[in-house]
Amino acid sequence: MTVQFFDFDVETPDQIPLRVYLIDQNPPEPRTHSSTSLLQTLGDRFAASPRLDGLLRVEVVAVDSNHAQHVLFDSAQTPTIELLRPTELLAGRFRRPATDLTRRVEDGLSIVVLPGELVDADLAERTSTVNDVQPRLVWIEGADSSVELAPTHSAWSASRTVAETVASHVLESVVGNFVATVVEASKYTAAEWAASSEVSSLVDGMSYVVA
């Protein structure tokens, strides 16, 4: 009896890039309260759904007070289980110069986490340090974060800008929703998601601007 073998090409979907910029972050102390919980949320999602490794690429980039960028985490180089140790990541355990962030990506999402006191400080210089992954969600934290909301939205070329005046866990919910609806379910493109009523409902009661 002759046994025939057939080769099948199995297509692997392209990973959707998620790039998180932490503005004015100087390890080991993050300036924004959500930095640790955001990374923990992503780590929990990867741990709960191992197939995410093939669907989502996560990069975390710190932009310090001198506007220098450093990659704190890149899932293409570091196992995603390390996201479950966010304090160590933010302290710079895997820190390296951001020398390869020149590519422009249109089908992913960038999240810029910005302390509210910086919304009008060196704005042009700060925005120029952030390389494009579009669409872009800007998340401003702090009691005065709603001040200059519209100009900040415009300056960062954001798809949506949200002001979080009181510390909450809403950003973690927003990121979890992005993973569930865009990455896992392909319900939206990233651009559709950023402008969607689904995200608006998650940030209900907060000040925001949508492009």
N, C-alpha and C. Protein backbone atom coordinates (compact mmCIF):
# COMPACT_ATOMS: atom_id res chain seq x y z
N MET A 1 0.86 -1.20 0.00
CA MET A 1 0.00 0.00 0.00
C MET A 1 0.89 1.24 0.00
N THR A 2 0.56 2.17 -0.84
CA THR A 2 1.31 3.41 -0.90
C THR A 2 0.61 4.48 -0.08
N VAL A 3 1.36 5.08 0.81
CA VAL A 3 0.81 6.15 1.64
C VAL A 3 1.26 7.48 1.07
N GLN A 4 0.31 8.33 0.77
CA GLN A 4 0.63 9.64 0.22
C GLN A 4 0.58 10.71 1.31
N PHE A 5 1.54 11.60 1.24
CA PHE A 5 1.59 12.71 2.20
C PHE A 5 1.36 14.01 1.46
N PHE A 6 0.62 14.88 2.04
CA PHE A 6 0.31 16.16 1.41
C PHE A 6 0.78 17.29 2.32
N ASP A 7 1.41 18.29 1.73
CA ASP A 7 1.83 19.47 2.48
C ASP A 7 0.77 20.54 2.35
N PHE A 8 0.39 21.09 3.45
CA PHE A 8 -0.59 22.18 3.44
C PHE A 8 0.06 23.43 4.00
N ASP A 9 -0.13 24.54 3.32
CA ASP A 9 0.35 25.82 3.83
C ASP A 9 -0.69 26.39 4.78
N VAL A 10 -0.30 26.57 6.01
CA VAL A 10 -1.21 27.15 7.00
C VAL A 10 -0.84 28.60 7.18
N GLU A 11 -1.79 29.47 6.89
CA GLU A 11 -1.51 30.89 6.98
C GLU A 11 -1.59 31.36 8.42
N THR A 12 -0.57 32.04 8.87
CA THR A 12 -0.56 32.65 10.19
C THR A 12 -0.96 34.10 10.06
N PRO A 13 -1.99 34.54 10.77
CA PRO A 13 -2.40 35.94 10.64
C PRO A 13 -1.30 36.88 11.12
N ASP A 14 -1.25 38.06 10.48
CA ASP A 14 -0.28 39.06 10.92
C ASP A 14 -0.61 39.51 12.33
N GLN A 15 0.42 39.73 13.10
CA GLN A 15 0.20 40.24 14.44
C GLN A 15 -0.25 41.70 14.38
N ILE A 16 -1.20 42.03 15.22
CA ILE A 16 -1.63 43.43 15.34
C ILE A 16 -0.71 44.10 16.35
N PRO A 17 -0.08 45.20 15.98
CA PRO A 17 0.82 45.86 16.92
C PRO A 17 0.08 46.77 17.91
N LEU A 18 0.46 46.66 19.16
CA LEU A 18 -0.01 47.56 20.21
C LEU A 18 1.23 48.16 20.85
N ARG A 19 1.40 49.45 20.67
CA ARG A 19 2.58 50.14 21.22
C ARG A 19 2.12 51.12 22.29
N VAL A 20 2.63 50.95 23.50
CA VAL A 20 2.28 51.80 24.63
C VAL A 20 3.44 52.74 24.91
N TYR A 21 3.16 54.04 24.85
CA TYR A 21 4.16 55.05 25.19
C TYR A 21 3.86 55.59 26.59
N LEU A 22 4.83 55.51 27.48
CA LEU A 22 4.71 56.06 28.82
C LEU A 22 5.54 57.34 28.86
N ILE A 23 4.87 58.48 28.87
CA ILE A 23 5.55 59.76 28.72
C ILE A 23 6.08 60.26 30.05
N ASP A 24 7.33 60.72 30.00
CA ASP A 24 8.03 61.25 31.18
C ASP A 24 8.16 60.19 32.27
N GLN A 25 8.49 58.98 31.83
CA GLN A 25 8.69 57.88 32.77
C GLN A 25 10.18 57.74 33.05
N ASN A 26 10.55 57.86 34.29
CA ASN A 26 11.94 57.73 34.69
C ASN A 26 12.04 56.60 35.71
N PRO A 27 12.44 55.40 35.24
CA PRO A 27 12.52 54.26 36.17
C PRO A 27 13.37 54.63 37.39
N PRO A 28 13.05 54.03 38.55
CA PRO A 28 12.07 52.95 38.72
C PRO A 28 10.66 53.42 39.08
N GLU A 29 10.43 54.74 39.19
CA GLU A 29 9.12 55.22 39.62
C GLU A 29 8.30 55.72 38.43
N PRO A 30 7.22 55.01 38.05
CA PRO A 30 6.38 55.51 36.96
C PRO A 30 5.63 56.76 37.38
N ARG A 31 5.45 57.68 36.44
CA ARG A 31 4.75 58.92 36.75
C ARG A 31 3.24 58.75 36.72
N THR A 32 2.75 57.73 36.05
CA THR A 32 1.31 57.56 35.89
C THR A 32 0.86 56.31 36.64
N HIS A 33 -0.29 56.42 37.32
CA HIS A 33 -0.73 55.33 38.21
C HIS A 33 -1.11 54.08 37.44
N SER A 34 -1.53 54.23 36.18
CA SER A 34 -2.06 53.08 35.45
C SER A 34 -0.98 52.23 34.78
N SER A 35 0.27 52.67 34.80
CA SER A 35 1.32 51.96 34.08
C SER A 35 1.42 50.50 34.51
N THR A 36 1.48 50.28 35.82
CA THR A 36 1.64 48.91 36.33
C THR A 36 0.42 48.05 36.02
N SER A 37 -0.77 48.59 36.29
CA SER A 37 -1.99 47.80 36.10
C SER A 37 -2.26 47.53 34.62
N LEU A 38 -1.87 48.45 33.74
CA LEU A 38 -2.05 48.24 32.31
C LEU A 38 -1.22 47.06 31.83
N LEU A 39 0.05 46.99 32.25
CA LEU A 39 0.90 45.88 31.86
C LEU A 39 0.41 44.57 32.47
N GLN A 40 -0.05 44.64 33.71
CA GLN A 40 -0.60 43.44 34.36
C GLN A 40 -1.81 42.92 33.60
N THR A 41 -2.67 43.82 33.15
CA THR A 41 -3.86 43.43 32.38
C THR A 41 -3.46 42.70 31.10
N LEU A 42 -2.48 43.24 30.39
CA LEU A 42 -2.01 42.57 29.18
C LEU A 42 -1.42 41.21 29.50
N GLY A 43 -0.64 41.13 30.58
CA GLY A 43 -0.06 39.84 30.97
C GLY A 43 -1.14 38.83 31.29
N ASP A 44 -2.19 39.26 31.97
CA ASP A 44 -3.30 38.36 32.30
C ASP A 44 -3.98 37.85 31.04
N ARG A 45 -4.14 38.73 30.04
CA ARG A 45 -4.80 38.31 28.80
C ARG A 45 -3.96 37.29 28.05
N PHE A 46 -2.66 37.49 27.99
CA PHE A 46 -1.78 36.52 27.32
C PHE A 46 -1.79 35.19 28.07
N ALA A 47 -1.79 35.24 29.40
CA ALA A 47 -1.79 34.01 30.19
C ALA A 47 -3.09 33.22 30.00
N ALA A 48 -4.20 33.96 29.86
CA ALA A 48 -5.50 33.30 29.71
C ALA A 48 -5.73 32.77 28.30
N SER A 49 -5.06 33.36 27.32
CA SER A 49 -5.27 32.97 25.92
C SER A 49 -3.93 32.88 25.20
N PRO A 50 -3.26 31.73 25.28
CA PRO A 50 -1.93 31.59 24.68
C PRO A 50 -1.88 31.90 23.18
N ARG A 51 -3.02 31.77 22.48
CA ARG A 51 -3.01 32.06 21.04
C ARG A 51 -2.74 33.52 20.74
N LEU A 52 -2.89 34.39 21.77
CA LEU A 52 -2.61 35.81 21.56
C LEU A 52 -1.17 36.05 21.13
N ASP A 53 -0.27 35.14 21.50
CA ASP A 53 1.14 35.31 21.12
C ASP A 53 1.29 35.42 19.61
N GLY A 54 0.42 34.75 18.87
CA GLY A 54 0.48 34.82 17.42
C GLY A 54 -0.36 35.92 16.81
N LEU A 55 -1.16 36.60 17.64
CA LEU A 55 -2.10 37.60 17.14
C LEU A 55 -1.72 39.04 17.49
N LEU A 56 -0.98 39.23 18.58
CA LEU A 56 -0.75 40.57 19.11
C LEU A 56 0.71 40.75 19.45
N ARG A 57 1.29 41.84 18.97
CA ARG A 57 2.65 42.22 19.37
C ARG A 57 2.55 43.44 20.27
N VAL A 58 3.13 43.36 21.44
CA VAL A 58 3.09 44.45 22.41
C VAL A 58 4.48 45.05 22.57
N GLU A 59 4.56 46.36 22.44
CA GLU A 59 5.79 47.10 22.72
C GLU A 59 5.47 48.16 23.77
N VAL A 60 6.33 48.29 24.76
CA VAL A 60 6.17 49.33 25.79
C VAL A 60 7.40 50.22 25.72
N VAL A 61 7.17 51.52 25.50
CA VAL A 61 8.25 52.47 25.28
C VAL A 61 8.16 53.58 26.32
N ALA A 62 9.24 53.79 27.04
CA ALA A 62 9.31 54.90 27.99
C ALA A 62 9.95 56.10 27.31
N VAL A 63 9.34 57.25 27.46
CA VAL A 63 9.90 58.51 26.96
C VAL A 63 10.21 59.35 28.19
N ASP A 64 11.51 59.58 28.45
CA ASP A 64 11.87 60.23 29.71
C ASP A 64 11.79 61.74 29.61
N SER A 65 12.14 62.42 30.69
CA SER A 65 11.99 63.88 30.76
C SER A 65 12.90 64.61 29.78
N ASN A 66 13.90 63.92 29.24
CA ASN A 66 14.77 64.51 28.21
C ASN A 66 14.35 64.10 26.81
N HIS A 67 13.18 63.47 26.71
CA HIS A 67 12.58 63.04 25.45
C HIS A 67 13.28 61.82 24.83
N ALA A 68 14.18 61.20 25.55
CA ALA A 68 14.84 59.99 25.04
C ALA A 68 13.89 58.80 25.19
N GLN A 69 13.91 57.92 24.19
CA GLN A 69 13.05 56.74 24.21
C GLN A 69 13.85 55.49 24.55
N HIS A 70 13.23 54.62 25.33
CA HIS A 70 13.80 53.30 25.60
C HIS A 70 12.68 52.27 25.58
N VAL A 71 12.95 51.16 24.95
CA VAL A 71 11.99 50.06 24.93
C VAL A 71 12.10 49.32 26.26
N LEU A 72 10.98 49.22 26.96
CA LEU A 72 10.94 48.48 28.22
C LEU A 72 10.51 47.03 28.01
N PHE A 73 9.74 46.81 26.95
CA PHE A 73 9.26 45.46 26.66
C PHE A 73 8.89 45.36 25.19
N ASP A 74 9.19 44.21 24.59
CA ASP A 74 8.80 43.92 23.21
C ASP A 74 8.52 42.43 23.15
N SER A 75 7.26 42.08 22.87
CA SER A 75 6.88 40.66 22.88
C SER A 75 7.55 39.87 21.77
N ALA A 76 8.14 40.57 20.79
CA ALA A 76 8.89 39.86 19.75
C ALA A 76 10.23 39.36 20.27
N GLN A 77 10.68 39.91 21.40
CA GLN A 77 11.98 39.53 21.95
C GLN A 77 11.92 38.97 23.36
N THR A 78 10.85 39.26 24.07
CA THR A 78 10.75 38.86 25.48
C THR A 78 9.44 38.10 25.68
N PRO A 79 9.46 36.98 26.39
CA PRO A 79 8.23 36.21 26.62
C PRO A 79 7.15 37.06 27.30
N THR A 80 5.91 36.87 26.86
CA THR A 80 4.82 37.69 27.39
C THR A 80 4.53 37.42 28.85
N ILE A 81 5.02 36.30 29.39
CA ILE A 81 4.83 36.04 30.81
C ILE A 81 5.50 37.12 31.66
N GLU A 82 6.49 37.81 31.10
CA GLU A 82 7.17 38.87 31.85
C GLU A 82 6.26 40.07 32.10
N LEU A 83 5.16 40.18 31.33
CA LEU A 83 4.20 41.25 31.60
C LEU A 83 3.54 41.08 32.96
N LEU A 84 3.59 39.88 33.50
CA LEU A 84 3.03 39.62 34.82
C LEU A 84 3.95 40.10 35.94
N ARG A 85 5.10 40.67 35.55
CA ARG A 85 6.03 41.28 36.51
C ARG A 85 6.21 42.76 36.13
N PRO A 86 5.12 43.53 36.14
CA PRO A 86 5.18 44.90 35.61
C PRO A 86 6.13 45.82 36.35
N THR A 87 6.28 45.62 37.65
CA THR A 87 7.18 46.49 38.41
C THR A 87 8.61 46.33 37.93
N GLU A 88 9.01 45.09 37.65
CA GLU A 88 10.36 44.84 37.15
C GLU A 88 10.54 45.40 35.74
N LEU A 89 9.51 45.29 34.92
CA LEU A 89 9.60 45.85 33.56
C LEU A 89 9.77 47.36 33.62
N LEU A 90 8.97 48.01 34.45
CA LEU A 90 9.03 49.47 34.54
C LEU A 90 10.35 49.94 35.15
N ALA A 91 10.95 49.08 35.95
CA ALA A 91 12.25 49.42 36.53
C ALA A 91 13.39 49.25 35.53
N GLY A 92 13.07 48.70 34.35
CA GLY A 92 14.07 48.63 33.29
C GLY A 92 14.79 47.30 33.16
N ARG A 93 14.16 46.22 33.59
CA ARG A 93 14.82 44.92 33.53
C ARG A 93 15.24 44.56 32.10
N PHE A 94 14.38 44.87 31.11
CA PHE A 94 14.69 44.54 29.72
C PHE A 94 14.93 45.81 28.89
N ARG A 95 15.28 46.88 29.55
CA ARG A 95 15.41 48.19 28.90
C ARG A 95 16.51 48.19 27.85
N ARG A 96 16.21 48.80 26.70
CA ARG A 96 17.20 48.95 25.63
C ARG A 96 16.85 50.22 24.85
N PRO A 97 17.83 50.80 24.18
CA PRO A 97 17.55 52.00 23.38
C PRO A 97 16.53 51.70 22.29
N ALA A 98 15.69 52.67 22.03
CA ALA A 98 14.66 52.50 20.99
C ALA A 98 15.24 52.90 19.64
N THR A 99 16.00 52.01 19.07
CA THR A 99 16.66 52.31 17.80
C THR A 99 15.89 51.79 16.59
N ASP A 100 14.84 51.02 16.82
CA ASP A 100 14.16 50.36 15.70
C ASP A 100 12.67 50.69 15.66
N LEU A 101 12.28 51.86 16.15
CA LEU A 101 10.88 52.22 16.17
C LEU A 101 10.54 53.21 15.06
N THR A 102 11.12 53.01 13.91
CA THR A 102 10.92 53.97 12.83
C THR A 102 9.77 53.59 11.92
N ARG A 103 9.30 52.37 12.02
CA ARG A 103 8.27 51.94 11.08
C ARG A 103 6.93 52.60 11.39
N ARG A 104 6.19 52.88 10.37
CA ARG A 104 4.83 53.41 10.52
C ARG A 104 3.86 52.26 10.30
N VAL A 105 2.97 52.06 11.22
CA VAL A 105 2.03 50.95 11.14
C VAL A 105 0.62 51.52 11.16
N GLU A 106 -0.18 51.13 10.18
CA GLU A 106 -1.51 51.71 10.05
C GLU A 106 -2.61 50.83 10.65
N ASP A 107 -2.33 49.57 10.91
CA ASP A 107 -3.41 48.67 11.31
C ASP A 107 -3.32 48.27 12.78
N GLY A 108 -2.50 48.99 13.55
CA GLY A 108 -2.37 48.69 14.97
C GLY A 108 -2.92 49.83 15.80
N LEU A 109 -2.48 49.89 17.06
CA LEU A 109 -2.93 50.93 17.97
C LEU A 109 -1.75 51.39 18.80
N SER A 110 -1.62 52.70 18.97
CA SER A 110 -0.68 53.21 19.96
C SER A 110 -1.47 53.89 21.07
N ILE A 111 -1.00 53.70 22.29
CA ILE A 111 -1.59 54.34 23.46
C ILE A 111 -0.53 55.22 24.09
N VAL A 112 -0.82 56.48 24.24
CA VAL A 112 0.09 57.42 24.89
C VAL A 112 -0.46 57.74 26.27
N VAL A 113 0.27 57.36 27.31
CA VAL A 113 -0.15 57.64 28.69
C VAL A 113 0.64 58.84 29.18
N LEU A 114 -0.08 59.91 29.51
CA LEU A 114 0.53 61.21 29.69
C LEU A 114 0.11 61.83 31.02
N PRO A 115 1.04 62.20 31.89
CA PRO A 115 0.66 62.93 33.11
C PRO A 115 0.04 64.27 32.75
N GLY A 116 -1.04 64.63 33.44
CA GLY A 116 -1.78 65.83 33.09
C GLY A 116 -0.98 67.10 33.15
N GLU A 117 0.00 67.18 34.04
CA GLU A 117 0.77 68.41 34.18
C GLU A 117 1.67 68.67 32.98
N LEU A 118 1.77 67.69 32.07
CA LEU A 118 2.65 67.85 30.92
C LEU A 118 1.92 68.21 29.64
N VAL A 119 0.61 68.39 29.70
CA VAL A 119 -0.13 68.56 28.46
C VAL A 119 0.30 69.80 27.68
N ASP A 120 0.81 70.82 28.37
CA ASP A 120 1.21 72.02 27.65
C ASP A 120 2.70 72.30 27.78
N ALA A 121 3.48 71.30 28.20
CA ALA A 121 4.92 71.50 28.40
C ALA A 121 5.70 70.84 27.28
N ASP A 122 6.46 71.64 26.51
CA ASP A 122 7.28 71.11 25.42
C ASP A 122 6.48 70.20 24.52
N LEU A 123 5.24 70.61 24.23
CA LEU A 123 4.33 69.70 23.55
C LEU A 123 4.84 69.29 22.17
N ALA A 124 5.31 70.27 21.40
CA ALA A 124 5.77 69.94 20.05
C ALA A 124 6.94 68.96 20.08
N GLU A 125 7.87 69.20 21.02
CA GLU A 125 9.02 68.31 21.09
C GLU A 125 8.62 66.93 21.57
N ARG A 126 7.70 66.87 22.51
CA ARG A 126 7.27 65.57 23.02
C ARG A 126 6.53 64.77 21.95
N THR A 127 5.63 65.40 21.23
CA THR A 127 4.88 64.67 20.22
C THR A 127 5.78 64.19 19.10
N SER A 128 6.84 64.93 18.79
CA SER A 128 7.73 64.53 17.71
C SER A 128 8.55 63.29 18.07
N THR A 129 8.65 62.96 19.36
CA THR A 129 9.43 61.79 19.75
C THR A 129 8.66 60.50 19.57
N VAL A 130 7.36 60.59 19.39
CA VAL A 130 6.52 59.40 19.30
C VAL A 130 6.34 59.01 17.84
N ASN A 131 6.89 57.87 17.47
CA ASN A 131 6.76 57.39 16.10
C ASN A 131 5.40 56.73 15.90
N ASP A 132 4.94 56.76 14.65
CA ASP A 132 3.54 56.49 14.41
C ASP A 132 3.17 55.01 14.38
N VAL A 133 2.26 54.65 15.25
CA VAL A 133 1.36 53.53 15.04
C VAL A 133 -0.02 54.16 15.13
N GLN A 134 -0.78 54.05 14.07
CA GLN A 134 -2.08 54.69 14.02
C GLN A 134 -3.17 53.63 13.95
N PRO A 135 -4.34 53.88 14.55
CA PRO A 135 -4.75 55.08 15.26
C PRO A 135 -4.07 55.22 16.62
N ARG A 136 -4.28 56.35 17.25
CA ARG A 136 -3.61 56.67 18.52
C ARG A 136 -4.65 57.06 19.57
N LEU A 137 -4.53 56.44 20.74
CA LEU A 137 -5.35 56.78 21.90
C LEU A 137 -4.46 57.50 22.90
N VAL A 138 -4.81 58.73 23.26
CA VAL A 138 -4.05 59.49 24.26
C VAL A 138 -4.84 59.48 25.55
N TRP A 139 -4.17 59.06 26.62
CA TRP A 139 -4.81 58.94 27.94
C TRP A 139 -4.08 59.88 28.89
N ILE A 140 -4.78 60.93 29.35
CA ILE A 140 -4.18 61.93 30.22
C ILE A 140 -4.65 61.68 31.65
N GLU A 141 -3.72 61.62 32.58
CA GLU A 141 -4.05 61.35 33.98
C GLU A 141 -3.79 62.58 34.85
N GLY A 142 -4.67 62.81 35.81
CA GLY A 142 -4.44 63.88 36.77
C GLY A 142 -5.65 64.77 36.94
N ALA A 143 -5.69 65.48 38.05
CA ALA A 143 -6.85 66.30 38.40
C ALA A 143 -7.15 67.35 37.34
N ASP A 144 -6.11 67.87 36.67
CA ASP A 144 -6.30 68.92 35.66
C ASP A 144 -6.23 68.37 34.24
N SER A 145 -6.44 67.07 34.09
CA SER A 145 -6.23 66.46 32.78
C SER A 145 -7.24 66.89 31.72
N SER A 146 -8.39 67.40 32.16
CA SER A 146 -9.38 67.84 31.17
C SER A 146 -9.08 69.22 30.61
N VAL A 147 -8.14 69.95 31.26
CA VAL A 147 -7.72 71.25 30.76
C VAL A 147 -6.92 71.04 29.48
N GLU A 148 -7.16 71.83 28.47
CA GLU A 148 -6.45 71.72 27.19
C GLU A 148 -6.69 70.37 26.51
N LEU A 149 -7.84 69.78 26.76
CA LEU A 149 -8.12 68.46 26.18
C LEU A 149 -8.13 68.50 24.65
N ALA A 150 -8.86 69.44 24.07
CA ALA A 150 -8.95 69.52 22.62
C ALA A 150 -7.61 69.85 21.96
N PRO A 151 -6.85 70.85 22.47
CA PRO A 151 -5.53 71.12 21.87
C PRO A 151 -4.57 69.93 21.98
N THR A 152 -4.64 69.22 23.10
CA THR A 152 -3.78 68.04 23.26
C THR A 152 -4.16 66.98 22.25
N HIS A 153 -5.44 66.76 22.06
CA HIS A 153 -5.94 65.79 21.08
C HIS A 153 -5.40 66.13 19.69
N SER A 154 -5.45 67.40 19.34
CA SER A 154 -4.97 67.83 18.03
C SER A 154 -3.45 67.70 17.91
N ALA A 155 -2.73 68.12 18.94
CA ALA A 155 -1.27 68.10 18.89
C ALA A 155 -0.72 66.69 18.75
N TRP A 156 -1.38 65.72 19.37
CA TRP A 156 -0.90 64.34 19.32
C TRP A 156 -1.48 63.56 18.14
N SER A 157 -2.27 64.26 17.29
CA SER A 157 -2.90 63.59 16.14
C SER A 157 -3.63 62.33 16.59
N ALA A 158 -4.39 62.48 17.65
CA ALA A 158 -5.03 61.33 18.27
C ALA A 158 -6.34 60.97 17.57
N SER A 159 -6.71 59.71 17.67
CA SER A 159 -8.03 59.27 17.23
C SER A 159 -9.04 59.48 18.35
N ARG A 160 -8.57 59.33 19.59
CA ARG A 160 -9.40 59.60 20.76
C ARG A 160 -8.48 60.03 21.90
N THR A 161 -8.88 61.05 22.62
CA THR A 161 -8.14 61.52 23.79
C THR A 161 -9.09 61.51 24.98
N VAL A 162 -8.64 60.92 26.07
CA VAL A 162 -9.48 60.77 27.26
C VAL A 162 -8.78 61.42 28.44
N ALA A 163 -9.54 62.15 29.24
CA ALA A 163 -9.01 62.77 30.46
C ALA A 163 -9.51 61.98 31.66
N GLU A 164 -8.57 61.43 32.42
CA GLU A 164 -8.90 60.69 33.63
C GLU A 164 -8.55 61.57 34.83
N THR A 165 -9.55 62.28 35.34
CA THR A 165 -9.29 63.25 36.41
C THR A 165 -9.17 62.58 37.78
N VAL A 166 -9.77 61.41 37.93
CA VAL A 166 -9.70 60.65 39.17
C VAL A 166 -9.18 59.26 38.85
N ALA A 167 -8.22 58.78 39.63
CA ALA A 167 -7.61 57.47 39.36
C ALA A 167 -8.68 56.38 39.28
N SER A 168 -8.57 55.55 38.27
CA SER A 168 -9.56 54.49 38.07
C SER A 168 -8.87 53.32 37.36
N HIS A 169 -9.67 52.31 37.01
CA HIS A 169 -9.16 51.17 36.25
C HIS A 169 -9.78 51.13 34.86
N VAL A 170 -10.23 52.28 34.39
CA VAL A 170 -10.92 52.32 33.10
C VAL A 170 -9.97 51.99 31.95
N LEU A 171 -8.73 52.47 32.01
CA LEU A 171 -7.80 52.19 30.92
C LEU A 171 -7.58 50.70 30.75
N GLU A 172 -7.49 49.97 31.86
CA GLU A 172 -7.33 48.52 31.77
C GLU A 172 -8.54 47.89 31.06
N SER A 173 -9.75 48.39 31.36
CA SER A 173 -10.96 47.89 30.71
C SER A 173 -10.94 48.20 29.22
N VAL A 174 -10.45 49.39 28.88
CA VAL A 174 -10.39 49.79 27.47
C VAL A 174 -9.41 48.89 26.71
N VAL A 175 -8.25 48.65 27.29
CA VAL A 175 -7.26 47.79 26.63
C VAL A 175 -7.77 46.35 26.54
N GLY A 176 -8.42 45.87 27.59
CA GLY A 176 -8.99 44.53 27.55
C GLY A 176 -10.03 44.41 26.45
N ASN A 177 -10.82 45.47 26.25
CA ASN A 177 -11.82 45.47 25.19
C ASN A 177 -11.17 45.47 23.82
N PHE A 178 -10.07 46.21 23.66
CA PHE A 178 -9.33 46.21 22.39
C PHE A 178 -8.85 44.80 22.06
N VAL A 179 -8.28 44.11 23.03
CA VAL A 179 -7.78 42.76 22.80
C VAL A 179 -8.93 41.84 22.42
N ALA A 180 -10.05 41.93 23.15
CA ALA A 180 -11.18 41.03 22.92
C ALA A 180 -11.87 41.27 21.58
N THR A 181 -12.10 42.54 21.24
CA THR A 181 -12.94 42.83 20.07
C THR A 181 -12.15 43.00 18.78
N VAL A 182 -10.95 43.58 18.87
CA VAL A 182 -10.15 43.81 17.66
C VAL A 182 -9.22 42.64 17.38
N VAL A 183 -8.49 42.21 18.40
CA VAL A 183 -7.46 41.19 18.19
C VAL A 183 -8.06 39.79 18.11
N GLU A 184 -8.89 39.44 19.09
CA GLU A 184 -9.42 38.08 19.14
C GLU A 184 -10.64 37.87 18.26
N ALA A 185 -11.57 38.81 18.26
CA ALA A 185 -12.83 38.61 17.54
C ALA A 185 -12.87 39.25 16.17
N SER A 186 -11.91 40.13 15.86
CA SER A 186 -11.89 40.85 14.57
C SER A 186 -13.22 41.54 14.30
N LYS A 187 -13.82 42.07 15.37
CA LYS A 187 -15.11 42.76 15.24
C LYS A 187 -14.93 44.12 14.59
N TYR A 188 -13.79 44.77 14.86
CA TYR A 188 -13.48 46.08 14.30
C TYR A 188 -12.05 46.07 13.79
N THR A 189 -11.75 47.03 12.91
CA THR A 189 -10.35 47.40 12.73
C THR A 189 -9.97 48.29 13.91
N ALA A 190 -8.69 48.52 14.09
CA ALA A 190 -8.27 49.36 15.21
C ALA A 190 -8.84 50.77 15.07
N ALA A 191 -8.88 51.29 13.85
CA ALA A 191 -9.41 52.64 13.63
C ALA A 191 -10.91 52.69 13.94
N GLU A 192 -11.64 51.68 13.51
CA GLU A 192 -13.08 51.63 13.81
C GLU A 192 -13.31 51.53 15.31
N TRP A 193 -12.49 50.72 15.95
CA TRP A 193 -12.63 50.54 17.41
C TRP A 193 -12.40 51.84 18.15
N ALA A 194 -11.35 52.59 17.79
CA ALA A 194 -11.01 53.82 18.50
C ALA A 194 -12.15 54.83 18.47
N ALA A 195 -12.91 54.82 17.39
CA ALA A 195 -14.01 55.78 17.24
C ALA A 195 -15.36 55.20 17.64
N SER A 196 -15.39 53.97 18.10
CA SER A 196 -16.65 53.26 18.28
C SER A 196 -17.42 53.70 19.52
N SER A 197 -18.73 53.46 19.47
CA SER A 197 -19.58 53.72 20.63
C SER A 197 -19.25 52.77 21.77
N GLU A 198 -18.65 51.62 21.43
CA GLU A 198 -18.27 50.66 22.47
C GLU A 198 -17.21 51.26 23.39
N VAL A 199 -16.24 51.94 22.81
CA VAL A 199 -15.23 52.60 23.64
C VAL A 199 -15.84 53.78 24.37
N SER A 200 -16.72 54.51 23.69
CA SER A 200 -17.38 55.64 24.35
C SER A 200 -18.14 55.19 25.59
N SER A 201 -18.77 54.03 25.52
CA SER A 201 -19.51 53.55 26.69
C SER A 201 -18.57 53.19 27.84
N LEU A 202 -17.36 52.73 27.50
CA LEU A 202 -16.39 52.38 28.53
C LEU A 202 -15.87 53.62 29.27
N VAL A 203 -15.81 54.75 28.56
CA VAL A 203 -15.30 55.98 29.17
C VAL A 203 -16.44 56.94 29.50
N ASP A 204 -17.64 56.42 29.59
CA ASP A 204 -18.80 57.25 29.92
C ASP A 204 -18.58 57.94 31.26
N GLY A 205 -18.86 59.23 31.31
CA GLY A 205 -18.65 60.02 32.51
C GLY A 205 -17.30 60.71 32.56
N MET A 206 -16.42 60.39 31.61
CA MET A 206 -15.12 61.04 31.53
C MET A 206 -15.13 62.00 30.35
N SER A 207 -14.29 63.01 30.40
CA SER A 207 -14.17 63.94 29.28
C SER A 207 -13.31 63.30 28.20
N TYR A 208 -13.76 63.40 26.96
CA TYR A 208 -12.97 62.83 25.87
C TYR A 208 -13.28 63.56 24.56
N VAL A 209 -12.36 63.40 23.62
CA VAL A 209 -12.53 63.94 22.27
C VAL A 209 -12.30 62.80 21.30
N VAL A 210 -13.11 62.71 20.27
CA VAL A 210 -12.94 61.69 19.24
C VAL A 210 -12.71 62.39 17.92
N ALA A 211 -11.76 61.88 17.14
CA ALA A 211 -11.44 62.50 15.84
C ALA A 211 -12.64 62.38 14.92
